[in-house]
């Protein structure tokens, strides 16, 4: 951990911007275990869940579909419809390794109003 991380502050405002973006650059990776938790939470079949909500990337990883540049689970009220079972990537935002320096943190703050 870098010493400068101590100065990094975040408080979610619920704006939903972390759930949107160009799907060529922004995606939400979801492991099979995370997918199962979401599927169980939604109370739908595994097959239907996979067909409707999961995307397989070229590198073999899988993630949540980004329909029109929005996570499919971002509701019209900008709230996550699967919040209690959201993937680790979502739970850990914005404390991702690639954002753990002052320059990257400041850049991400332009997108996220809850940073600093």
Protein backbone atom coordinates (compact mmCIF):
# COMPACT_ATOMS: atom_id res chain seq x y z
CA UNK A 1 0.00 0.00 0.00
CA UNK A 2 1.23 3.45 -0.83
CA UNK A 3 1.55 6.07 1.89
CA UNK A 4 -0.47 8.46 -0.23
CA UNK A 5 -3.51 6.16 0.07
CA UNK A 6 -4.14 7.51 3.55
CA UNK A 7 -5.24 10.79 1.97
CA UNK A 8 -7.72 9.12 -0.38
CA UNK A 9 -11.30 9.75 0.71
CA UNK A 10 -14.57 8.42 -0.68
CA UNK A 11 -18.22 8.57 0.30
CA UNK A 12 -20.77 7.17 -2.12
CA UNK A 13 -23.43 9.69 -3.15
CA UNK A 14 -25.51 7.16 -5.09
CA UNK A 15 -25.05 9.01 -8.38
CA UNK A 16 -24.70 5.78 -10.38
CA UNK A 17 -21.86 7.09 -12.55
CA UNK A 18 -19.62 4.17 -11.55
CA UNK A 19 -22.23 1.91 -13.19
CA UNK A 20 -22.10 3.67 -16.55
CA UNK A 21 -19.58 4.16 -19.30
CA UNK A 22 -18.47 3.02 -22.71
CA UNK A 23 -18.69 -0.81 -22.61
CA UNK A 24 -15.47 -0.94 -24.63
CA UNK A 25 -13.68 0.40 -21.53
CA UNK A 26 -16.00 -0.12 -18.56
CA UNK A 27 -17.20 -3.52 -17.47
CA UNK A 28 -18.13 -5.40 -14.32
CA UNK A 29 -16.39 -8.72 -13.99
CA UNK A 30 -18.42 -11.33 -12.12
CA UNK A 31 -17.10 -14.70 -11.02
CA UNK A 32 -19.30 -17.78 -11.23
CA UNK A 33 -19.87 -17.62 -7.46
CA UNK A 34 -20.93 -13.97 -7.74
CA UNK A 35 -23.17 -14.83 -10.66
CA UNK A 36 -24.83 -17.59 -8.61
CA UNK A 37 -25.49 -15.21 -5.74
CA UNK A 38 -27.10 -12.70 -8.10
CA UNK A 39 -29.15 -15.41 -9.82
CA UNK A 40 -30.37 -16.73 -6.47
CA UNK A 41 -31.16 -13.21 -5.28
CA UNK A 42 -33.22 -12.56 -8.41
CA UNK A 43 -34.96 -15.93 -8.09
CA UNK A 44 -34.56 -16.84 -11.75
CA UNK A 45 -33.14 -19.87 -13.51
CA UNK A 46 -29.41 -20.14 -14.12
CA UNK A 47 -29.97 -20.48 -17.85
CA UNK A 48 -32.19 -17.39 -18.06
CA UNK A 49 -29.81 -15.39 -15.88
CA UNK A 50 -26.79 -16.27 -18.03
CA UNK A 51 -28.58 -15.59 -21.31
CA UNK A 52 -29.99 -12.26 -20.21
CA UNK A 53 -27.34 -10.75 -17.96
CA UNK A 54 -23.87 -12.24 -18.60
CA UNK A 55 -21.28 -11.35 -21.23
CA UNK A 56 -18.20 -13.43 -22.00
CA UNK A 57 -15.09 -11.40 -22.82
CA UNK A 58 -12.34 -12.31 -25.26
CA UNK A 59 -9.98 -13.23 -22.41
CA UNK A 60 -12.46 -15.81 -21.07
CA UNK A 61 -13.65 -13.79 -18.10
CA UNK A 62 -17.32 -13.05 -17.66
CA UNK A 63 -19.20 -10.03 -16.48
CA UNK A 64 -22.48 -8.23 -16.25
CA UNK A 65 -23.98 -6.90 -19.44
CA UNK A 66 -23.66 -3.17 -20.10
CA UNK A 67 -26.83 -2.29 -22.01
CA UNK A 68 -26.51 1.12 -23.65
CA UNK A 69 -23.47 1.95 -21.54
CA UNK A 70 -25.24 1.14 -18.24
CA UNK A 71 -24.96 -1.91 -16.04
CA UNK A 72 -28.12 -3.92 -16.60
CA UNK A 73 -28.75 -3.80 -12.85
CA UNK A 74 -28.68 -0.02 -12.55
CA UNK A 75 -32.29 1.00 -12.04
CA UNK A 76 -33.95 4.13 -13.46
CA UNK A 77 -33.58 5.65 -9.98
CA UNK A 78 -29.76 5.22 -10.34
CA UNK A 79 -29.77 2.57 -7.63
CA UNK A 80 -28.30 -0.91 -7.89
CA UNK A 81 -31.04 -3.54 -8.11
CA UNK A 82 -28.66 -6.22 -6.78
CA UNK A 83 -26.85 -4.13 -4.16
CA UNK A 84 -26.78 -6.78 -1.38
CA UNK A 85 -25.12 -9.30 -3.75
CA UNK A 86 -23.18 -6.99 -6.07
CA UNK A 87 -19.81 -8.28 -7.35
CA UNK A 88 -16.56 -7.54 -5.50
CA UNK A 89 -15.55 -5.08 -8.21
CA UNK A 90 -18.56 -2.95 -7.29
CA UNK A 91 -18.11 -3.37 -3.54
CA UNK A 92 -14.48 -2.29 -3.74
CA UNK A 93 -14.91 0.76 -5.98
CA UNK A 94 -13.06 3.12 -6.07
CA UNK A 95 -10.35 1.40 -4.04
CA UNK A 96 -9.01 -0.54 -7.01
CA UNK A 97 -5.24 -1.10 -7.38
CA UNK A 98 -5.08 0.95 -10.58
CA UNK A 99 -6.60 3.96 -8.80
CA UNK A 100 -4.35 3.81 -5.74
CA UNK A 101 -2.16 6.77 -6.58
CA UNK A 102 -2.91 10.48 -6.40
CA UNK A 103 -2.93 11.10 -10.16
CA UNK A 104 -5.33 8.24 -10.97
CA UNK A 105 -7.48 9.11 -7.94
CA UNK A 106 -7.80 12.76 -9.08
CA UNK A 107 -8.66 11.62 -12.60
CA UNK A 108 -11.38 9.28 -11.29
CA UNK A 109 -12.73 12.14 -9.14
CA UNK A 110 -13.72 13.89 -12.39
CA UNK A 111 -16.15 11.01 -12.96
CA UNK A 112 -17.18 10.27 -9.37
CA UNK A 113 -18.57 13.04 -7.18
CA UNK A 114 -18.02 10.98 -4.02
CA UNK A 115 -14.24 11.04 -4.31
CA UNK A 116 -12.59 13.62 -2.06
